[in-house]
PDB file of N, CA and C in Angstrom:
ATOM      1  N   UNK A   1     -25.945 -10.878 -46.156  1.00  0.00           N
ATOM      2  CA  UNK A   1     -24.846 -12.135 -45.609  1.00  0.00           C
ATOM      3  C   UNK A   1     -23.587 -11.757 -44.083  1.00  0.00           C
ATOM      4  N   UNK A   2     -23.697 -12.230 -43.958  1.00  0.00           N
ATOM      5  CA  UNK A   2     -22.827 -11.703 -42.716  1.00  0.00           C
ATOM      6  C   UNK A   2     -21.367 -11.792 -42.749  1.00  0.00           C
ATOM      7  N   UNK A   3     -20.525 -11.375 -42.414  1.00  0.00           N
ATOM      8  CA  UNK A   3     -18.950 -11.739 -42.409  1.00  0.00           C
ATOM      9  C   UNK A   3     -18.453 -13.525 -41.872  1.00  0.00           C
ATOM     10  N   UNK A   4     -19.469 -13.332 -40.567  1.00  0.00           N
ATOM     11  CA  UNK A   4     -19.477 -14.952 -40.446  1.00  0.00           C
ATOM     12  C   UNK A   4     -20.021 -16.813 -41.707  1.00  0.00           C
ATOM     13  N   UNK A   5     -20.697 -15.428 -42.365  1.00  0.00           N
ATOM     14  CA  UNK A   5     -20.765 -16.595 -43.686  1.00  0.00           C
ATOM     15  C   UNK A   5     -20.127 -16.619 -44.707  1.00  0.00           C
ATOM     16  N   UNK A   6     -19.119 -15.812 -44.919  1.00  0.00           N
ATOM     17  CA  UNK A   6     -17.644 -16.195 -45.890  1.00  0.00           C
ATOM     18  C   UNK A   6     -17.363 -16.210 -45.515  1.00  0.00           C
ATOM     19  N   UNK A   7     -16.813 -15.965 -43.566  1.00  0.00           N
ATOM     20  CA  UNK A   7     -15.956 -17.074 -42.772  1.00  0.00           C
ATOM     21  C   UNK A   7     -15.889 -19.027 -43.685  1.00  0.00           C
ATOM     22  N   UNK A   8     -17.086 -19.436 -43.168  1.00  0.00           N
ATOM     23  CA  UNK A   8     -17.786 -20.254 -43.262  1.00  0.00           C
ATOM     24  C   UNK A   8     -17.058 -21.025 -45.245  1.00  0.00           C
ATOM     25  N   UNK A   9     -18.013 -19.793 -45.807  1.00  0.00           N
ATOM     26  CA  UNK A   9     -18.658 -20.765 -46.787  1.00  0.00           C
ATOM     27  C   UNK A   9     -16.227 -20.878 -47.764  1.00  0.00           C
ATOM     28  N   UNK A  10     -15.582 -19.644 -47.611  1.00  0.00           N
ATOM     29  CA  UNK A  10     -14.308 -19.045 -48.425  1.00  0.00           C
ATOM     30  C   UNK A  10     -13.628 -20.184 -47.019  1.00  0.00           C
ATOM     31  N   UNK A  11     -13.899 -20.726 -46.015  1.00  0.00           N
ATOM     32  CA  UNK A  11     -13.138 -22.320 -45.575  1.00  0.00           C
ATOM     33  C   UNK A  11     -11.751 -20.481 -44.528  1.00  0.00           C
ATOM     34  N   UNK A  12     -12.179 -19.730 -45.079  1.00  0.00           N
ATOM     35  CA  UNK A  12     -11.429 -18.743 -43.409  1.00  0.00           C
ATOM     36  C   UNK A  12     -11.128 -18.215 -42.707  1.00  0.00           C
ATOM     37  N   UNK A  13      -9.622 -17.950 -42.906  1.00  0.00           N
ATOM     38  CA  UNK A  13      -9.655 -18.154 -40.671  1.00  0.00           C
ATOM     39  C   UNK A  13      -8.997 -17.000 -40.689  1.00  0.00           C
ATOM     40  N   UNK A  14      -9.563 -16.968 -38.451  1.00  0.00           N
ATOM     41  CA  UNK A  14     -10.243 -15.786 -37.703  1.00  0.00           C
ATOM     42  C   UNK A  14      -9.324 -15.681 -37.374  1.00  0.00           C
ATOM     43  N   UNK A  15      -7.941 -14.594 -37.399  1.00  0.00           N
ATOM     44  CA  UNK A  15      -6.775 -14.793 -36.845  1.00  0.00           C
ATOM     45  C   UNK A  15      -7.354 -13.887 -35.199  1.00  0.00           C
ATOM     46  N   UNK A  16      -8.101 -12.659 -35.433  1.00  0.00           N
ATOM     47  CA  UNK A  16      -8.911 -12.169 -34.438  1.00  0.00           C
ATOM     48  C   UNK A  16      -9.430 -10.979 -34.097  1.00  0.00           C
ATOM     49  N   UNK A  17      -9.934 -10.078 -33.723  1.00  0.00           N
ATOM     50  CA  UNK A  17     -11.574  -9.799 -34.160  1.00  0.00           C
ATOM     51  C   UNK A  17     -13.043 -11.012 -33.998  1.00  0.00           C
ATOM     52  N   UNK A  18     -12.826 -12.125 -33.599  1.00  0.00           N
ATOM     53  CA  UNK A  18     -14.179 -12.633 -33.705  1.00  0.00           C
ATOM     54  C   UNK A  18     -15.553 -12.269 -33.124  1.00  0.00           C
ATOM     55  N   UNK A  19     -15.401 -11.209 -32.480  1.00  0.00           N
ATOM     56  CA  UNK A  19     -16.707 -10.388 -32.068  1.00  0.00           C
ATOM     57  C   UNK A  19     -17.593 -10.244 -32.443  1.00  0.00           C
ATOM     58  N   UNK A  20     -16.437  -9.900 -33.658  1.00  0.00           N
ATOM     59  CA  UNK A  20     -17.261  -8.519 -34.818  1.00  0.00           C
ATOM     60  C   UNK A  20     -17.961 -10.150 -36.025  1.00  0.00           C
ATOM     61  N   UNK A  21     -18.069 -11.052 -35.747  1.00  0.00           N
ATOM     62  CA  UNK A  21     -18.201 -11.594 -37.335  1.00  0.00           C
ATOM     63  C   UNK A  21     -19.762 -11.918 -37.176  1.00  0.00           C
ATOM     64  N   UNK A  22     -20.698 -11.364 -36.740  1.00  0.00           N
ATOM     65  CA  UNK A  22     -21.681 -10.793 -36.814  1.00  0.00           C
ATOM     66  C   UNK A  22     -22.168 -10.344 -37.625  1.00  0.00           C
ATOM     67  N   UNK A  23     -21.122  -8.545 -38.091  1.00  0.00           N
ATOM     68  CA  UNK A  23     -21.470  -7.922 -38.845  1.00  0.00           C
ATOM     69  C   UNK A  23     -22.029  -7.854 -40.209  1.00  0.00           C
ATOM     70  N   UNK A  24     -22.802  -7.473 -41.026  1.00  0.00           N
ATOM     71  CA  UNK A  24     -23.363  -7.711 -41.766  1.00  0.00           C
ATOM     72  C   UNK A  24     -22.314  -6.332 -42.957  1.00  0.00           C
ATOM     73  N   UNK A  25     -22.225  -7.121 -44.096  1.00  0.00           N
ATOM     74  CA  UNK A  25     -20.570  -7.214 -45.743  1.00  0.00           C
ATOM     75  C   UNK A  25     -22.432  -6.003 -46.448  1.00  0.00           C
ATOM     76  N   UNK A  26     -21.987  -5.211 -46.863  1.00  0.00           N
ATOM     77  CA  UNK A  26     -22.199  -4.420 -47.826  1.00  0.00           C
ATOM     78  C   UNK A  26     -22.029  -4.765 -49.364  1.00  0.00           C
ATOM     79  N   UNK A  27     -20.371  -4.784 -49.709  1.00  0.00           N
ATOM     80  CA  UNK A  27     -20.002  -4.926 -50.528  1.00  0.00           C
ATOM     81  C   UNK A  27     -18.456  -5.551 -50.217  1.00  0.00           C
ATOM     82  N   UNK A  28     -17.395  -4.667 -51.237  1.00  0.00           N
ATOM     83  CA  UNK A  28     -16.394  -5.412 -51.089  1.00  0.00           C
ATOM     84  C   UNK A  28     -15.549  -4.839 -51.487  1.00  0.00           C
ATOM     85  N   UNK A  29     -14.184  -3.783 -51.042  1.00  0.00           N
ATOM     86  CA  UNK A  29     -12.488  -3.262 -52.136  1.00  0.00           C
ATOM     87  C   UNK A  29     -11.516  -4.094 -51.335  1.00  0.00           C
ATOM     88  N   UNK A  30     -10.761  -4.410 -52.514  1.00  0.00           N
ATOM     89  CA  UNK A  30      -9.140  -4.241 -52.450  1.00  0.00           C
ATOM     90  C   UNK A  30      -8.774  -3.273 -53.173  1.00  0.00           C
ATOM     91  N   UNK A  31      -7.885  -3.514 -52.706  1.00  0.00           N
ATOM     92  CA  UNK A  31      -7.113  -2.249 -52.858  1.00  0.00           C
ATOM     93  C   UNK A  31      -5.702  -2.265 -51.555  1.00  0.00           C
ATOM     94  N   UNK A  32      -4.741  -2.297 -51.933  1.00  0.00           N
ATOM     95  CA  UNK A  32      -3.392  -2.390 -51.450  1.00  0.00           C
ATOM     96  C   UNK A  32      -2.588  -0.653 -50.285  1.00  0.00           C
ATOM     97  N   UNK A  33      -3.007  -0.244 -51.574  1.00  0.00           N
ATOM     98  CA  UNK A  33      -2.891   1.943 -50.893  1.00  0.00           C
ATOM     99  C   UNK A  33      -4.103   1.886 -50.275  1.00  0.00           C
ATOM    100  N   UNK A  34      -3.196   2.159 -48.484  1.00  0.00           N
ATOM    101  CA  UNK A  34      -4.395   2.985 -48.036  1.00  0.00           C
ATOM    102  C   UNK A  34      -4.768   3.912 -47.792  1.00  0.00           C
ATOM    103  N   UNK A  35      -4.148   5.168 -48.568  1.00  0.00           N
ATOM    104  CA  UNK A  35      -4.584   6.583 -49.195  1.00  0.00           C
ATOM    105  C   UNK A  35      -6.279   5.945 -49.487  1.00  0.00           C
ATOM    106  N   UNK A  36      -6.316   5.056 -50.291  1.00  0.00           N
ATOM    107  CA  UNK A  36      -6.748   4.484 -51.682  1.00  0.00           C
ATOM    108  C   UNK A  36      -8.137   4.099 -51.026  1.00  0.00           C
ATOM    109  N   UNK A  37      -8.014   3.434 -50.417  1.00  0.00           N
ATOM    110  CA  UNK A  37      -8.925   2.523 -49.134  1.00  0.00           C
ATOM    111  C   UNK A  37      -9.292   4.250 -48.136  1.00  0.00           C
ATOM    112  N   UNK A  38      -8.757   5.081 -47.756  1.00  0.00           N
ATOM    113  CA  UNK A  38      -9.502   5.380 -47.183  1.00  0.00           C
ATOM    114  C   UNK A  38     -10.067   6.645 -47.378  1.00  0.00           C
ATOM    115  N   UNK A  39     -10.048   6.776 -49.210  1.00  0.00           N
ATOM    116  CA  UNK A  39     -11.066   7.513 -49.280  1.00  0.00           C
ATOM    117  C   UNK A  39     -11.551   6.766 -50.254  1.00  0.00           C
ATOM    118  N   UNK A  40     -12.330   5.361 -50.984  1.00  0.00           N
ATOM    119  CA  UNK A  40     -12.867   4.988 -51.260  1.00  0.00           C
ATOM    120  C   UNK A  40     -13.547   4.488 -50.732  1.00  0.00           C
ATOM    121  N   UNK A  41     -12.776   3.332 -49.572  1.00  0.00           N
ATOM    122  CA  UNK A  41     -14.093   2.183 -48.920  1.00  0.00           C
ATOM    123  C   UNK A  41     -15.348   2.588 -48.759  1.00  0.00           C
ATOM    124  N   UNK A  42     -16.285   1.688 -48.192  1.00  0.00           N
ATOM    125  CA  UNK A  42     -17.151   2.211 -47.359  1.00  0.00           C
ATOM    126  C   UNK A  42     -18.389   1.264 -46.233  1.00  0.00           C
ATOM    127  N   UNK A  43     -18.276   2.225 -45.579  1.00  0.00           N
ATOM    128  CA  UNK A  43     -18.420   1.890 -43.749  1.00  0.00           C
ATOM    129  C   UNK A  43     -19.423   0.208 -44.973  1.00  0.00           C
ATOM    130  N   UNK A  44     -19.428  -0.959 -44.355  1.00  0.00           N
ATOM    131  CA  UNK A  44     -19.793  -2.419 -44.171  1.00  0.00           C
ATOM    132  C   UNK A  44     -18.814  -3.176 -44.456  1.00  0.00           C
ATOM    133  N   UNK A  45     -18.165  -2.232 -45.358  1.00  0.00           N
ATOM    134  CA  UNK A  45     -17.093  -3.949 -46.487  1.00  0.00           C
ATOM    135  C   UNK A  45     -16.194  -4.454 -45.722  1.00  0.00           C
ATOM    136  N   UNK A  46     -16.295  -5.729 -46.525  1.00  0.00           N
ATOM    137  CA  UNK A  46     -14.718  -6.406 -46.602  1.00  0.00           C
ATOM    138  C   UNK A  46     -13.395  -6.256 -47.255  1.00  0.00           C
ATOM    139  N   UNK A  47     -12.353  -4.808 -46.554  1.00  0.00           N
ATOM    140  CA  UNK A  47     -11.057  -5.467 -47.143  1.00  0.00           C
ATOM    141  C   UNK A  47     -10.192  -5.994 -47.494  1.00  0.00           C
ATOM    142  N   UNK A  48      -9.822  -6.078 -49.200  1.00  0.00           N
ATOM    143  CA  UNK A  48      -8.923  -6.871 -49.534  1.00  0.00           C
ATOM    144  C   UNK A  48      -7.205  -6.940 -48.662  1.00  0.00           C
ATOM    145  N   UNK A  49      -6.832  -6.969 -48.951  1.00  0.00           N
ATOM    146  CA  UNK A  49      -5.580  -6.429 -48.737  1.00  0.00           C
ATOM    147  C   UNK A  49      -4.440  -7.689 -48.745  1.00  0.00           C
ATOM    148  N   UNK A  50      -3.204  -7.243 -49.121  1.00  0.00           N
ATOM    149  CA  UNK A  50      -1.555  -7.400 -48.568  1.00  0.00           C
ATOM    150  C   UNK A  50      -1.231  -7.464 -47.599  1.00  0.00           C
ATOM    151  N   UNK A  51      -1.751  -6.924 -47.079  1.00  0.00           N
ATOM    152  CA  UNK A  51      -0.449  -5.013 -46.410  1.00  0.00           C
ATOM    153  C   UNK A  51      -1.094  -5.668 -44.715  1.00  0.00           C
ATOM    154  N   UNK A  52      -0.198  -6.589 -43.983  1.00  0.00           N
ATOM    155  CA  UNK A  52      -0.662  -6.656 -42.326  1.00  0.00           C
ATOM    156  C   UNK A  52      -0.169  -6.256 -41.332  1.00  0.00           C
ATOM    157  N   UNK A  53       0.364  -4.245 -41.679  1.00  0.00           N
ATOM    158  CA  UNK A  53       1.094  -4.042 -40.315  1.00  0.00           C
ATOM    159  C   UNK A  53      -0.045  -3.709 -40.058  1.00  0.00           C
ATOM    160  N   UNK A  54      -0.491  -2.672 -38.143  1.00  0.00           N
ATOM    161  CA  UNK A  54      -1.474  -1.473 -37.656  1.00  0.00           C
ATOM    162  C   UNK A  54      -1.874  -0.820 -37.719  1.00  0.00           C
ATOM    163  N   UNK A  55      -1.189  -0.264 -39.948  1.00  0.00           N
ATOM    164  CA  UNK A  55      -1.498   1.507 -39.898  1.00  0.00           C
ATOM    165  C   UNK A  55      -3.115   0.632 -40.554  1.00  0.00           C
ATOM    166  N   UNK A  56      -3.057  -0.752 -41.403  1.00  0.00           N
ATOM    167  CA  UNK A  56      -4.766  -0.868 -41.118  1.00  0.00           C
ATOM    168  C   UNK A  56      -6.069  -1.617 -40.464  1.00  0.00           C
ATOM    169  N   UNK A  57      -5.078  -1.362 -39.318  1.00  0.00           N
ATOM    170  CA  UNK A  57      -6.655  -1.339 -38.010  1.00  0.00           C
ATOM    171  C   UNK A  57      -6.999   0.407 -38.504  1.00  0.00           C
ATOM    172  N   UNK A  58      -6.420   1.116 -38.944  1.00  0.00           N
ATOM    173  CA  UNK A  58      -6.647   2.397 -38.533  1.00  0.00           C
ATOM    174  C   UNK A  58      -7.702   3.007 -40.005  1.00  0.00           C
ATOM    175  N   UNK A  59      -7.392   2.607 -40.614  1.00  0.00           N
ATOM    176  CA  UNK A  59      -7.639   2.803 -41.507  1.00  0.00           C
ATOM    177  C   UNK A  59      -9.473   1.938 -41.408  1.00  0.00           C
ATOM    178  N   UNK A  60      -9.833   1.006 -40.731  1.00  0.00           N
ATOM    179  CA  UNK A  60     -11.078  -0.077 -41.303  1.00  0.00           C
ATOM    180  C   UNK A  60     -11.211  -0.037 -39.557  1.00  0.00           C
ATOM    181  N   UNK A  61     -10.724   1.016 -39.043  1.00  0.00           N
ATOM    182  CA  UNK A  61     -11.875   1.291 -37.730  1.00  0.00           C
ATOM    183  C   UNK A  61     -12.496   3.171 -38.077  1.00  0.00           C
ATOM    184  N   UNK A  62     -11.536   3.611 -38.953  1.00  0.00           N
ATOM    185  CA  UNK A  62     -12.269   5.033 -39.243  1.00  0.00           C
ATOM    186  C   UNK A  62     -12.997   4.571 -40.594  1.00  0.00           C
ATOM    187  N   UNK A  63     -13.495   3.675 -41.851  1.00  0.00           N
ATOM    188  CA  UNK A  63     -14.284   3.669 -42.474  1.00  0.00           C
ATOM    189  C   UNK A  63     -15.160   2.654 -42.585  1.00  0.00           C
ATOM    190  N   UNK A  64     -15.247   1.838 -41.006  1.00  0.00           N
ATOM    191  CA  UNK A  64     -15.829   1.497 -40.442  1.00  0.00           C
ATOM    192  C   UNK A  64     -16.266  -0.228 -41.641  1.00  0.00           C
ATOM    193  N   UNK A  65     -14.896  -0.311 -41.451  1.00  0.00           N
ATOM    194  CA  UNK A  65     -15.147  -2.193 -42.887  1.00  0.00           C
ATOM    195  C   UNK A  65     -15.620  -3.417 -41.898  1.00  0.00           C
ATOM    196  N   UNK A  66     -16.637  -3.790 -42.371  1.00  0.00           N
ATOM    197  CA  UNK A  66     -17.172  -4.780 -41.450  1.00  0.00           C
ATOM    198  C   UNK A  66     -15.708  -6.013 -41.812  1.00  0.00           C
ATOM    199  N   UNK A  67     -14.295  -6.015 -42.291  1.00  0.00           N
ATOM    200  CA  UNK A  67     -13.421  -7.088 -42.041  1.00  0.00           C
ATOM    201  C   UNK A  67     -12.813  -6.937 -43.082  1.00  0.00           C
ATOM    202  N   UNK A  68     -10.799  -7.831 -42.375  1.00  0.00           N
ATOM    203  CA  UNK A  68     -10.421  -7.342 -43.776  1.00  0.00           C
ATOM    204  C   UNK A  68      -9.201  -8.665 -43.577  1.00  0.00           C
ATOM    205  N   UNK A  69      -9.335  -8.815 -44.980  1.00  0.00           N
ATOM    206  CA  UNK A  69      -9.264 -10.054 -45.368  1.00  0.00           C
ATOM    207  C   UNK A  69      -8.557 -10.106 -45.681  1.00  0.00           C
ATOM    208  N   UNK A  70      -7.157 -10.602 -45.600  1.00  0.00           N
ATOM    209  CA  UNK A  70      -5.199 -11.052 -46.101  1.00  0.00           C
ATOM    210  C   UNK A  70      -5.242 -11.856 -46.593  1.00  0.00           C
ATOM    211  N   UNK A  71      -4.695 -12.122 -47.556  1.00  0.00           N
ATOM    212  CA  UNK A  71      -4.841 -12.782 -49.311  1.00  0.00           C
ATOM    213  C   UNK A  71      -3.288 -13.496 -48.542  1.00  0.00           C
ATOM    214  N   UNK A  72      -3.079 -14.287 -50.279  1.00  0.00           N
ATOM    215  CA  UNK A  72      -2.136 -15.645 -50.342  1.00  0.00           C
ATOM    216  C   UNK A  72      -0.986 -15.669 -49.353  1.00  0.00           C
ATOM    217  N   UNK A  73      -1.894 -16.194 -47.818  1.00  0.00           N
ATOM    218  CA  UNK A  73      -1.414 -16.966 -46.332  1.00  0.00           C
ATOM    219  C   UNK A  73      -0.575 -15.988 -46.382  1.00  0.00           C
ATOM    220  N   UNK A  74      -1.133 -14.905 -46.097  1.00  0.00           N
ATOM    221  CA  UNK A  74       0.482 -13.657 -45.500  1.00  0.00           C
ATOM    222  C   UNK A  74      -1.380 -13.696 -44.012  1.00  0.00           C
ATOM    223  N   UNK A  75       0.140 -13.646 -42.578  1.00  0.00           N
ATOM    224  CA  UNK A  75      -0.441 -13.067 -41.533  1.00  0.00           C
ATOM    225  C   UNK A  75       0.101 -11.791 -40.638  1.00  0.00           C
ATOM    226  N   UNK A  76      -1.353 -11.512 -40.194  1.00  0.00           N
ATOM    227  CA  UNK A  76      -0.696 -10.484 -39.202  1.00  0.00           C
ATOM    228  C   UNK A  76       0.653  -9.959 -38.411  1.00  0.00           C
ATOM    229  N   UNK A  77       0.834  -8.888 -38.341  1.00  0.00           N
ATOM    230  CA  UNK A  77       1.417  -8.369 -38.022  1.00  0.00           C
ATOM    231  C   UNK A  77       0.152  -8.307 -35.619  1.00  0.00           C
ATOM    232  N   UNK A  78       1.563  -9.363 -35.254  1.00  0.00           N
ATOM    233  CA  UNK A  78       1.480  -9.281 -33.347  1.00  0.00           C
ATOM    234  C   UNK A  78       0.689  -8.022 -33.744  1.00  0.00           C
ATOM    235  N   UNK A  79       1.039  -7.000 -33.488  1.00  0.00           N
ATOM    236  CA  UNK A  79      -0.116  -6.126 -33.005  1.00  0.00           C
ATOM    237  C   UNK A  79      -1.899  -5.312 -33.290  1.00  0.00           C
ATOM    238  N   UNK A  80      -1.176  -6.610 -34.612  1.00  0.00           N
ATOM    239  CA  UNK A  80      -3.199  -5.982 -35.774  1.00  0.00           C
ATOM    240  C   UNK A  80      -3.820  -6.582 -34.652  1.00  0.00           C
ATOM    241  N   UNK A  81      -3.696  -8.068 -34.339  1.00  0.00           N
ATOM    242  CA  UNK A  81      -4.960  -8.475 -33.845  1.00  0.00           C
ATOM    243  C   UNK A  81      -4.938  -8.962 -31.949  1.00  0.00           C
ATOM    244  N   UNK A  82      -4.313  -6.976 -31.737  1.00  0.00           N
ATOM    245  CA  UNK A  82      -4.879  -7.192 -30.596  1.00  0.00           C
ATOM    246  C   UNK A  82      -5.481  -5.647 -30.927  1.00  0.00           C
ATOM    247  N   UNK A  83      -4.939  -4.806 -31.228  1.00  0.00           N
ATOM    248  CA  UNK A  83      -5.732  -4.225 -32.218  1.00  0.00           C
ATOM    249  C   UNK A  83      -7.380  -4.090 -32.129  1.00  0.00           C
ATOM    250  N   UNK A  84      -7.674  -5.483 -33.889  1.00  0.00           N
ATOM    251  CA  UNK A  84      -8.675  -5.987 -33.955  1.00  0.00           C
ATOM    252  C   UNK A  84      -9.718  -6.701 -32.949  1.00  0.00           C
ATOM    253  N   UNK A  85      -9.176  -7.179 -31.879  1.00  0.00           N
ATOM    254  CA  UNK A  85     -10.429  -7.690 -30.700  1.00  0.00           C
ATOM    255  C   UNK A  85     -10.147  -6.475 -30.039  1.00  0.00           C
ATOM    256  N   UNK A  86      -9.976  -5.062 -29.972  1.00  0.00           N
ATOM    257  CA  UNK A  86     -10.474  -4.549 -29.332  1.00  0.00           C
ATOM    258  C   UNK A  86     -11.172  -4.032 -29.775  1.00  0.00           C
ATOM    259  N   UNK A  87     -11.127  -2.817 -31.167  1.00  0.00           N
ATOM    260  CA  UNK A  87     -12.051  -2.632 -31.895  1.00  0.00           C
ATOM    261  C   UNK A  87     -13.283  -3.797 -32.717  1.00  0.00           C
ATOM    262  N   UNK A  88     -13.581  -4.636 -31.969  1.00  0.00           N
ATOM    263  CA  UNK A  88     -14.631  -6.219 -32.882  1.00  0.00           C
ATOM    264  C   UNK A  88     -14.235  -5.808 -34.385  1.00  0.00           C
ATOM    265  N   UNK A  89     -13.470  -5.699 -34.936  1.00  0.00           N
ATOM    266  CA  UNK A  89     -13.023  -6.201 -36.591  1.00  0.00           C
ATOM    267  C   UNK A  89     -12.699  -7.359 -36.604  1.00  0.00           C
ATOM    268  N   UNK A  90     -12.907  -7.783 -37.499  1.00  0.00           N
ATOM    269  CA  UNK A  90     -12.188  -9.704 -37.880  1.00  0.00           C
ATOM    270  C   UNK A  90     -11.253  -8.950 -38.484  1.00  0.00           C
ATOM    271  N   UNK A  91      -9.561  -9.706 -38.237  1.00  0.00           N
ATOM    272  CA  UNK A  91      -9.405  -9.781 -39.710  1.00  0.00           C
ATOM    273  C   UNK A  91      -8.879 -11.827 -39.997  1.00  0.00           C
ATOM    274  N   UNK A  92      -9.393 -11.096 -41.084  1.00  0.00           N
ATOM    275  CA  UNK A  92      -8.838 -12.175 -41.791  1.00  0.00           C
ATOM    276  C   UNK A  92      -8.353 -13.386 -42.708  1.00  0.00           C
ATOM    277  N   UNK A  93      -7.898 -14.682 -42.992  1.00  0.00           N
ATOM    278  CA  UNK A  93      -7.107 -15.268 -43.790  1.00  0.00           C
ATOM    279  C   UNK A  93      -7.213 -16.347 -45.334  1.00  0.00           C
ATOM    280  N   UNK A  94      -6.416 -16.442 -46.237  1.00  0.00           N
ATOM    281  CA  UNK A  94      -7.075 -17.192 -46.843  1.00  0.00           C
ATOM    282  C   UNK A  94      -5.679 -17.230 -48.187  1.00  0.00           C
ATOM    283  N   UNK A  95      -6.068 -18.653 -48.413  1.00  0.00           N
ATOM    284  CA  UNK A  95      -4.419 -18.958 -48.811  1.00  0.00           C
ATOM    285  C   UNK A  95      -4.914 -18.150 -50.868  1.00  0.00           C
ATOM    286  N   UNK A  96      -6.244 -18.472 -50.732  1.00  0.00           N
ATOM    287  CA  UNK A  96      -6.043 -17.097 -52.680  1.00  0.00           C
ATOM    288  C   UNK A  96      -5.530 -15.881 -52.803  1.00  0.00           C
ATOM    289  N   UNK A  97      -5.835 -15.474 -53.697  1.00  0.00           N
ATOM    290  CA  UNK A  97      -4.595 -13.908 -53.900  1.00  0.00           C
ATOM    291  C   UNK A  97      -6.046 -13.432 -54.631  1.00  0.00           C
ATOM    292  N   UNK A  98      -5.553 -12.300 -54.180  1.00  0.00           N
ATOM    293  CA  UNK A  98      -7.093 -11.254 -53.763  1.00  0.00           C
ATOM    294  C   UNK A  98      -8.284 -10.948 -55.254  1.00  0.00           C
ATOM    295  N   UNK A  99      -7.346 -11.772 -56.386  1.00  0.00           N
ATOM    296  CA  UNK A  99      -8.036 -11.912 -57.842  1.00  0.00           C
ATOM    297  C   UNK A  99      -9.757 -12.892 -57.807  1.00  0.00           C
ATOM    298  N   UNK A 100      -8.526 -14.103 -56.952  1.00  0.00           N
ATOM    299  CA  UNK A 100     -10.278 -14.870 -57.424  1.00  0.00           C
ATOM    300  C   UNK A 100     -11.066 -14.847 -56.306  1.00  0.00           C
ATOM    301  N   UNK A 101     -10.009 -13.917 -54.698  1.00  0.00           N
ATOM    302  CA  UNK A 101     -11.189 -13.898 -53.287  1.00  0.00           C
ATOM    303  C   UNK A 101     -11.880 -12.447 -53.704  1.00  0.00           C
ATOM    304  N   UNK A 102     -12.167 -11.353 -54.195  1.00  0.00           N
ATOM    305  CA  UNK A 102     -12.470 -11.035 -54.686  1.00  0.00           C
ATOM    306  C   UNK A 102     -13.763 -11.130 -55.637  1.00  0.00           C
ATOM    307  N   UNK A 103     -13.563 -11.851 -56.518  1.00  0.00           N
ATOM    308  CA  UNK A 103     -14.745 -13.136 -57.388  1.00  0.00           C
ATOM    309  C   UNK A 103     -15.481 -13.797 -56.441  1.00  0.00           C
ATOM    310  N   UNK A 104     -14.997 -14.758 -56.103  1.00  0.00           N
ATOM    311  CA  UNK A 104     -15.839 -15.679 -54.641  1.00  0.00           C
ATOM    312  C   UNK A 104     -17.175 -14.471 -53.805  1.00  0.00           C
ATOM    313  N   UNK A 105     -16.167 -13.879 -53.847  1.00  0.00           N
ATOM    314  CA  UNK A 105     -17.505 -12.233 -52.738  1.00  0.00           C
ATOM    315  C   UNK A 105     -17.787 -11.876 -53.301  1.00  0.00           C
ATOM    316  N   UNK A 106     -17.680 -11.656 -55.040  1.00  0.00           N
ATOM    317  CA  UNK A 106     -19.246 -10.487 -55.195  1.00  0.00           C
ATOM    318  C   UNK A 106     -19.591 -12.371 -55.851  1.00  0.00           C
ATOM    319  N   UNK A 107     -19.214 -13.179 -56.258  1.00  0.00           N
ATOM    320  CA  UNK A 107     -20.629 -13.630 -56.264  1.00  0.00           C
ATOM    321  C   UNK A 107     -21.134 -14.283 -55.562  1.00  0.00           C
ATOM    322  N   UNK A 108     -21.186 -14.388 -55.158  1.00  0.00           N
ATOM    323  CA  UNK A 108     -21.986 -14.753 -52.514  1.00  0.00           C
ATOM    324  C   UNK A 108     -22.664 -13.579 -53.005  1.00  0.00           C
ATOM    325  N   UNK A 109     -22.299 -12.323 -53.099  1.00  0.00           N
ATOM    326  CA  UNK A 109     -22.949 -10.983 -52.775  1.00  0.00           C
ATOM    327  C   UNK A 109     -24.127 -10.943 -53.041  1.00  0.00           C
ATOM    328  N   UNK A 110     -24.281 -11.378 -54.456  1.00  0.00           N
ATOM    329  CA  UNK A 110     -25.052 -11.489 -55.376  1.00  0.00           C
ATOM    330  C   UNK A 110     -25.472 -12.671 -56.542  1.00  0.00           C
ATOM    331  N   UNK A 111     -25.483 -13.441 -55.525  1.00  0.00           N
ATOM    332  CA  UNK A 111     -26.587 -14.412 -56.016  1.00  0.00           C
ATOM    333  C   UNK A 111     -27.791 -14.683 -54.880  1.00  0.00           C
TER     334      UNK A 111
END
C-alpha cells in the first residue's frame, strides 16, 4: 500500500510533501514523544502524531518514515511545510484522533 492509497481511502489532507505520496507503507507508529519515535519507528512507517513543529521533520528524515499524519485537525507550522517539500516526506492531516486513525490504518494494512 502506498501513501496515496491511505490519503484517498481515509480522505486525508495533504499539507505538503506531495512528491512523496508514492512511497510504500510498511506499517505505522503512533507517538508524540520525539525520542520514542527516534528509538522505535522504522523506515517506511507512517507516523501518527499531534506534534506540529519543525523537529518532527528532523525525526521523520532520520527514520525515513513514509509520511507524518497530524491528528485532531491540527495543522503543521509553516517551516514544517517547507522542509516536508524539500525532503519529499508528506505531512498529512485528519480530523480523527490517533487511536481511531491507527485502527483504520492497521485494518487497511492487514486486509
